[in-house]
Protein backbone atom coordinates (compact mmCIF):
# COMPACT_ATOMS: atom_id res chain seq x y z
CA MET A 1 191.64 97.79 70.14
CA LYS A 2 193.93 96.46 66.88
CA SER A 3 196.15 94.31 69.41
CA ASN A 4 192.92 92.61 70.33
CA TYR A 5 191.82 91.52 66.65
CA PHE A 6 195.04 91.02 66.12
CA LEU A 7 195.37 88.26 69.00
CA SER A 8 192.35 87.64 68.08
CA CYS A 9 192.90 86.84 64.32
CA CYS A 10 196.45 85.18 65.60
CA LEU A 11 194.24 82.81 67.82
CA SER A 12 191.92 81.92 64.95
CA VAL A 13 195.03 80.74 62.67
CA VAL A 14 195.82 78.03 65.18
CA LEU A 15 193.07 77.13 66.68
CA CYS A 16 192.02 75.91 62.81
CA ILE A 17 195.71 74.58 61.98
CA LEU A 18 194.72 72.31 64.84
CA ILE A 19 191.68 70.71 64.33
CA TYR A 20 192.41 71.14 60.32
CA THR A 21 195.36 68.54 61.18
CA PRO A 22 196.02 65.16 61.75
CA SER A 23 197.40 63.57 63.87
CA TYR A 24 201.18 63.95 64.68
CA CYS A 25 201.84 59.95 63.18
CA SER A 26 199.88 60.62 60.40
CA ALA A 27 203.09 62.43 57.77
CA GLU A 28 204.59 59.34 58.64
CA THR A 29 202.50 56.36 58.59
CA SER A 30 199.51 57.20 57.19
CA GLU A 31 200.12 54.42 55.01
CA LEU A 32 199.33 52.12 57.74
CA ILE A 33 196.95 53.80 59.59
CA GLY A 34 195.05 54.67 56.80
CA LEU A 35 194.88 50.30 56.06
CA LEU A 36 193.78 50.06 59.16
CA THR A 37 191.31 53.39 60.09
CA SER A 38 189.57 52.03 56.64
CA GLN A 39 189.54 48.21 57.22
CA LEU A 40 188.90 47.84 60.28
CA GLY A 41 186.47 51.57 60.81
CA VAL A 42 188.76 52.70 64.44
CA THR A 43 190.16 56.35 64.39
CA GLU A 44 193.27 57.65 63.17
CA LYS A 45 194.35 57.33 66.99
CA GLN A 46 193.36 54.09 67.27
CA ALA A 47 194.90 52.94 64.69
CA GLU A 48 198.16 54.40 65.82
CA GLY A 49 198.07 53.66 69.64
CA GLY A 50 197.03 50.03 68.60
CA ALA A 51 199.62 49.39 66.52
CA GLY A 52 202.12 51.25 68.64
CA SER A 53 201.39 48.84 71.27
CA LEU A 54 201.51 45.84 69.13
CA PHE A 55 205.08 47.07 67.92
CA LYS A 56 205.77 48.62 71.46
CA ILE A 57 205.51 44.64 72.74
CA ALA A 58 207.38 43.57 69.73
CA LYS A 59 210.17 45.99 70.55
CA ASN A 60 210.34 44.54 73.82
CA SER A 61 210.38 40.16 73.00
CA LEU A 62 213.23 40.89 69.91
CA SER A 63 215.82 40.91 69.63
CA GLY A 64 218.07 44.91 68.78
CA GLU A 65 218.23 43.86 65.50
CA ASN A 66 215.49 42.19 64.05
CA PHE A 67 213.34 44.28 65.50
CA SER A 68 215.88 47.40 63.44
CA LYS A 69 214.46 44.92 60.64
CA VAL A 70 210.79 46.01 61.61
CA ALA A 71 211.36 49.57 62.28
CA GLU A 72 212.94 49.54 58.82
CA SER A 73 209.97 48.38 57.26
CA VAL A 74 207.67 50.47 59.22
CA PRO A 75 208.27 54.41 58.68
CA GLY A 76 207.21 56.58 61.87
CA MET A 77 207.53 53.75 63.60
CA ASP A 78 209.35 56.14 66.66
CA LEU A 79 205.37 58.16 65.98
CA LEU A 80 204.24 54.18 67.28
CA LEU A 81 205.75 53.88 69.34
CA LYS A 82 205.24 56.90 71.24
CA ALA A 83 201.10 56.30 69.93
CA ALA A 84 200.56 53.39 72.31
CA PRO A 85 198.74 53.99 75.77
CA GLU A 86 201.41 53.27 78.90
CA LEU A 87 200.52 50.08 80.55
CA PRO A 88 198.36 51.13 83.84
CA LYS A 89 201.12 50.57 86.82
CA VAL A 90 200.15 47.58 90.03
CA LYS A 91 201.07 49.83 92.63
CA GLY A 92 204.17 47.91 94.47
CA MET A 93 204.49 45.72 91.87
CA GLY A 94 207.46 48.13 89.92
CA ASN A 95 210.80 46.35 91.68
CA ILE A 96 209.37 43.37 90.98
CA ALA A 97 208.43 43.59 87.88
CA SER A 98 211.86 44.80 86.45
CA SER A 99 213.72 42.07 88.35
CA LEU A 100 211.20 39.67 86.39
CA GLY A 101 213.37 40.91 82.66
CA GLY A 102 211.63 44.38 82.84
CA GLY A 103 213.96 46.55 81.01
CA SER A 104 213.06 49.02 79.43
CA GLY A 105 209.68 47.27 78.20
CA GLY A 106 209.42 46.35 81.81
CA GLY A 107 207.77 42.72 81.36
CA LEU A 108 205.84 43.95 78.44
CA ASP A 109 204.02 41.36 76.41
CA MET A 110 201.40 39.79 74.49
CA ALA A 111 199.41 39.64 78.31
CA GLY A 112 199.05 43.42 79.05
CA LEU A 113 197.20 44.29 74.71
CA PRO A 114 193.55 44.28 76.35
CA ALA A 115 194.90 46.67 78.91
CA MET A 116 196.34 49.07 75.95
CA PHE A 117 193.24 48.31 73.49
CA GLY A 118 190.92 49.39 76.62
CA LYS A 119 192.71 52.76 77.10
CA LEU A 120 191.84 53.62 73.38
CA GLY A 121 188.86 52.48 73.40
CA MET A 122 188.59 48.97 71.73
CA ASP A 123 187.64 45.95 73.39
CA SER A 124 190.11 42.81 73.03
CA GLY A 125 188.35 41.35 69.82
CA MET A 126 190.28 44.61 68.31
CA ILE A 127 193.30 42.71 68.60
CA VAL A 128 192.64 39.75 66.50
CA LYS A 129 191.81 42.17 63.16
CA PHE A 130 195.51 44.40 64.09
CA ILE A 131 197.27 41.99 64.33
CA PRO A 132 196.82 40.02 60.12
CA THR A 133 195.80 43.51 58.72
CA ILE A 134 199.40 44.47 60.41
CA LEU A 135 200.82 41.65 59.68
CA SER A 136 200.53 41.73 55.29
CA PHE A 137 201.34 45.21 55.51
CA VAL A 138 204.70 44.63 56.96
CA GLN A 139 204.90 41.51 55.20
CA SER A 140 204.74 43.93 51.99
CA LYS A 141 207.11 45.59 52.44
CA GLY A 142 209.51 44.14 54.76
CA GLY A 143 208.81 40.36 53.08
CA ASP A 144 207.59 37.35 54.45
CA SER A 145 211.37 37.43 56.63
CA VAL A 146 210.11 39.82 58.80
CA MET A 147 207.12 39.38 59.15
CA ASN A 148 207.18 36.09 60.03
CA MET A 149 210.09 37.40 63.09
CA LEU A 150 205.99 39.52 63.94
CA LYS A 151 204.12 36.66 63.56
CA GLY A 152 206.22 34.37 66.45
CA VAL A 153 205.26 37.66 68.94
CA TRP A 154 201.80 37.83 68.37
CA GLN A 155 200.64 34.48 67.03
CA LYS A 156 202.37 32.28 69.89
């Protein structure tokens, strides 16, 4: 009887922790995520995934050295990249896509963003709202040169 009570108490504590703990990205990325949620009215999960999607495209498009400069300006970049949804795989296209320039990024570019945002419950119109907000944040943290690298990728 005592063990059942103890088990119930432990489960209740774990449940409370899970319910009231912000998503896994929050600790390191709270400033950017807070900016996106407050200015754009999106959830934390949407902010993390949307920003992560844009940064994933930047990582695929920029040189390793340049993306490192971007990553230094955005705390928790690894967590944001992990929060980005994967693009749906097209049957029979895996080998073709990888041979056409798809390294680990798989040929990921701006054309894939609507699908990624869609997986997060946002329409493609949100992309144009995310970009200036993130660019402004990156400019404040990393300066004009880092912001312009991202602008070159996202606003072609």
